[in-house]
Amino acid sequence: MDEPRKPASRLTPIASPMHRSSMQCPLGVFYGSSQGLSATSRVKLFDQDSPGISGAPEMEDYFASGLAAGDFDGDGTDDLVIGMRSETLDSATGAGASMVLFGNATGGVTTKGALWIDQDTDKVPGVIAAHDHFGWTVGALDTDGNGRVEPLVGAPGNAAGSVTVLKVKPGTLESATALAEADLGFSAGGDGDAFGAALPR
């Protein structure tokens, strides 16, 4: 996207999330121009040490292992949903979590109004459980046909797996709807189906 009117052009992790010796995988937001990206493109870096980013850098959290962009709040600029597929919450190893960062036309993607979302967040169905891997995948899709995409969060380890559809605006989680295989017309699944292991971006 051109700078400065549209904030998020290319979103990519800087380090491999599979690098076991790293404490976490930083996220780089690259800002291009009408000519695309270049060696002088502006870059913003985010990790769990960044102001406004919740949590703490821990081994194998896999911060930013999942990424998807879309205009979630309808302001005409791209926002970002981030997956942390193996975030440990309380004593639940691999419970997983996600964050939504919002963009604006002047500052790009920032942590202002950022949302931390896990299965213990108010309005989110379910409960925190080990190895649910909430945030294993994230996506963006217009699920209700209103012309605006919603962030999606997959939890393939949650029983047969689930996908949670979020409605968000800066600072507010408006609603969260968890979908299982049966909700989409498939036969009820069983443990290990890993529904939600892949999502549209």
Protein backbone atom coordinates (compact mmCIF):
# COMPACT_ATOMS: atom_id res chain seq x y z
CA MET A 1 0.00 0.00 0.00
CA ASP A 2 1.04 3.57 -0.58
CA GLU A 3 2.34 5.48 2.39
CA PRO A 4 1.00 7.25 4.41
CA ARG A 5 -2.69 6.85 3.61
CA LYS A 6 -2.87 3.08 3.87
CA PRO A 7 -0.87 1.51 6.66
CA ALA A 8 -0.25 -2.19 6.21
CA SER A 9 1.16 -3.36 2.91
CA ARG A 10 3.15 -6.49 3.69
CA LEU A 11 3.11 -8.29 7.00
CA THR A 12 5.71 -10.92 7.74
CA PRO A 13 7.50 -12.49 10.70
CA ILE A 14 11.15 -11.48 10.79
CA ALA A 15 12.44 -14.73 12.33
CA SER A 16 11.28 -18.27 11.80
CA PRO A 17 8.69 -19.21 14.44
CA MET A 18 10.12 -22.73 14.37
CA HIS A 19 13.53 -21.54 15.58
CA ARG A 20 13.56 -23.25 18.97
CA SER A 21 16.50 -21.26 20.31
CA SER A 22 14.64 -17.96 19.89
CA MET A 23 12.51 -16.61 22.71
CA GLN A 24 9.89 -15.43 20.22
CA CYS A 25 9.30 -14.51 16.61
CA PRO A 26 9.23 -10.73 16.03
CA LEU A 27 6.67 -9.34 13.62
CA GLY A 28 7.70 -6.86 10.95
CA VAL A 29 5.14 -4.60 9.25
CA PHE A 30 6.55 -3.31 5.98
CA TYR A 31 5.18 -0.16 4.31
CA GLY A 32 5.55 -0.05 0.55
CA SER A 33 4.77 2.47 -2.15
CA SER A 34 3.10 2.33 -5.54
CA GLN A 35 6.37 0.76 -6.74
CA GLY A 36 6.21 -1.96 -4.09
CA LEU A 37 8.74 -2.73 -1.38
CA SER A 38 12.36 -1.63 -1.45
CA ALA A 39 15.46 -1.56 0.73
CA THR A 40 14.32 1.82 2.07
CA SER A 41 10.75 0.77 2.94
CA ARG A 42 9.63 1.80 6.42
CA VAL A 43 9.37 -1.10 8.86
CA LYS A 44 7.70 -1.42 12.26
CA LEU A 45 8.71 -4.26 14.58
CA PHE A 46 6.50 -5.78 17.26
CA ASP A 47 7.15 -8.49 19.84
CA GLN A 48 5.94 -9.27 23.35
CA ASP A 49 8.41 -6.76 24.77
CA SER A 50 6.79 -3.96 22.74
CA PRO A 51 4.69 -1.39 24.63
CA GLY A 52 1.02 -2.25 24.24
CA ILE A 53 1.66 -5.93 23.41
CA SER A 54 0.35 -8.23 26.14
CA GLY A 55 2.19 -11.18 27.60
CA ALA A 56 5.89 -11.80 27.95
CA PRO A 57 8.40 -13.38 25.57
CA GLU A 58 8.65 -17.05 26.42
CA MET A 59 10.21 -20.05 24.76
CA GLU A 60 7.87 -21.63 22.20
CA ASP A 61 5.01 -19.11 22.46
CA TYR A 62 5.37 -18.73 18.67
CA PHE A 63 4.31 -15.09 18.69
CA ALA A 64 3.18 -14.09 15.18
CA SER A 65 3.26 -17.66 13.89
CA GLY A 66 -0.09 -16.81 12.30
CA LEU A 67 -0.90 -13.52 10.53
CA ALA A 68 -3.83 -12.12 8.58
CA ALA A 69 -4.73 -8.58 7.56
CA GLY A 70 -8.03 -6.90 6.74
CA ASP A 71 -10.12 -3.85 7.52
CA PHE A 72 -11.79 -5.25 10.63
CA ASP A 73 -13.25 -1.97 11.94
CA GLY A 74 -14.40 -0.45 8.65
CA ASP A 75 -12.23 2.67 8.74
CA GLY A 76 -10.64 2.04 5.34
CA THR A 77 -7.23 0.93 6.63
CA ASP A 78 -5.85 -2.53 7.25
CA ASP A 79 -5.73 -4.11 10.69
CA LEU A 80 -3.86 -7.22 11.76
CA VAL A 81 -4.75 -10.39 13.67
CA ILE A 82 -1.82 -12.26 15.21
CA GLY A 83 -1.72 -15.86 16.37
CA MET A 84 0.32 -17.17 19.30
CA ARG A 85 -0.42 -20.83 18.86
CA SER A 86 1.43 -22.21 21.88
CA GLU A 87 1.04 -19.41 24.41
CA THR A 88 0.94 -20.89 27.90
CA LEU A 89 -1.81 -19.38 30.06
CA ASP A 90 -1.81 -20.03 33.79
CA SER A 91 -0.68 -23.67 33.88
CA ALA A 92 -2.26 -24.62 30.54
CA THR A 93 0.66 -25.36 28.21
CA GLY A 94 -0.10 -24.61 24.58
CA ALA A 95 -3.49 -23.04 25.30
CA GLY A 96 -2.82 -20.38 22.67
CA ALA A 97 -3.91 -16.77 22.26
CA SER A 98 -4.30 -14.05 19.67
CA MET A 99 -4.10 -10.28 19.37
CA VAL A 100 -5.71 -7.74 17.07
CA LEU A 101 -3.72 -4.61 16.18
CA PHE A 102 -5.52 -1.74 14.47
CA GLY A 103 -4.27 0.50 11.69
CA ASN A 104 -5.01 4.11 10.91
CA ALA A 105 -4.37 6.34 7.93
CA THR A 106 -1.61 8.39 9.54
CA GLY A 107 0.28 6.11 11.91
CA GLY A 108 -0.12 2.72 10.29
CA VAL A 109 -0.52 -0.34 12.49
CA THR A 110 -0.11 0.56 16.17
CA THR A 111 -0.88 -0.95 19.56
CA LYS A 112 -3.49 1.72 20.38
CA GLY A 113 -6.74 -0.08 21.14
CA ALA A 114 -5.07 -3.48 20.70
CA LEU A 115 -7.03 -6.51 21.88
CA TRP A 116 -5.69 -9.63 23.60
CA ILE A 117 -8.03 -12.56 22.99
CA ASP A 118 -7.94 -16.04 24.48
CA GLN A 119 -10.56 -18.54 25.59
CA ASP A 120 -10.84 -16.85 28.97
CA THR A 121 -11.62 -13.46 27.41
CA ASP A 122 -15.12 -12.14 28.11
CA LYS A 123 -17.53 -13.06 25.27
CA VAL A 124 -15.22 -15.76 23.87
CA PRO A 125 -16.83 -19.23 24.09
CA GLY A 126 -14.96 -22.08 25.72
CA VAL A 127 -12.35 -22.30 28.44
CA ILE A 128 -8.57 -22.27 28.51
CA ALA A 129 -7.21 -25.78 28.13
CA ALA A 130 -3.79 -27.24 27.48
CA HIS A 131 -2.96 -27.90 23.84
CA ASP A 132 -6.11 -26.26 22.43
CA HIS A 133 -3.70 -24.11 20.38
CA PHE A 134 -6.15 -21.21 20.07
CA GLY A 135 -4.41 -19.03 17.48
CA TRP A 136 -2.69 -21.92 15.66
CA THR A 137 -4.12 -20.28 12.56
CA VAL A 138 -5.72 -16.89 12.01
CA GLY A 139 -7.63 -15.58 9.03
CA ALA A 140 -9.80 -12.82 7.62
CA LEU A 141 -13.14 -13.38 5.89
CA ASP A 142 -16.45 -11.58 5.38
CA THR A 143 -18.60 -14.18 7.10
CA ASP A 144 -21.88 -12.24 7.15
CA GLY A 145 -21.86 -10.55 3.73
CA ASN A 146 -21.76 -7.00 5.08
CA GLY A 147 -18.71 -6.09 3.01
CA ARG A 148 -16.33 -6.05 5.98
CA VAL A 149 -13.98 -8.89 6.87
CA GLU A 150 -13.84 -10.37 10.35
CA PRO A 151 -10.77 -11.83 12.07
CA LEU A 152 -10.89 -15.60 12.52
CA VAL A 153 -9.00 -17.65 15.10
CA GLY A 154 -8.51 -21.39 14.70
CA ALA A 155 -8.08 -23.79 17.61
CA PRO A 156 -7.46 -27.20 16.02
CA GLY A 157 -6.64 -28.81 19.37
CA ASN A 158 -9.95 -27.83 20.99
CA ALA A 159 -11.63 -31.28 20.93
CA ALA A 160 -12.36 -31.80 17.21
CA GLY A 161 -11.26 -28.23 16.54
CA SER A 162 -13.00 -24.87 16.32
CA VAL A 163 -12.93 -21.53 14.53
CA THR A 164 -13.89 -18.36 16.39
CA VAL A 165 -15.28 -15.42 14.40
CA LEU A 166 -14.61 -12.05 16.04
CA LYS A 167 -16.33 -8.69 15.68
CA VAL A 168 -13.94 -5.98 16.84
CA LYS A 169 -13.24 -2.30 16.99
CA PRO A 170 -10.34 -0.55 18.73
CA GLY A 171 -10.43 -1.40 22.42
CA THR A 172 -13.60 -3.49 22.16
CA LEU A 173 -14.41 -7.10 21.41
CA GLU A 174 -18.03 -6.77 20.28
CA SER A 175 -18.77 -10.48 19.87
CA ALA A 176 -17.15 -13.86 19.39
CA THR A 177 -18.82 -16.88 17.80
CA ALA A 178 -17.20 -20.32 17.96
CA LEU A 179 -17.93 -22.68 15.07
CA ALA A 180 -17.43 -26.44 14.97
CA GLU A 181 -17.70 -28.83 12.03
CA ALA A 182 -21.39 -29.49 12.67
CA ASP A 183 -22.18 -25.75 12.51
CA LEU A 184 -21.09 -25.77 8.86
CA GLY A 185 -23.15 -28.79 7.88
CA PHE A 186 -20.52 -31.48 8.36
CA SER A 187 -20.91 -34.54 10.52
CA ALA A 188 -20.01 -33.97 14.14
CA GLY A 189 -16.29 -34.50 14.48
CA GLY A 190 -14.12 -36.27 16.98
CA ASP A 191 -10.91 -35.51 18.81
CA GLY A 192 -8.00 -35.13 16.45
CA ASP A 193 -9.97 -33.84 13.44
CA ALA A 194 -8.02 -30.56 13.75
CA PHE A 195 -10.86 -28.46 12.36
CA GLY A 196 -9.53 -24.90 12.09
CA ALA A 197 -5.98 -25.93 11.23
CA ALA A 198 -6.16 -23.83 8.04
CA LEU A 199 -8.04 -20.57 7.45
CA PRO A 200 -8.50 -18.09 4.56
CA ARG A 201 -6.34 -14.98 4.59
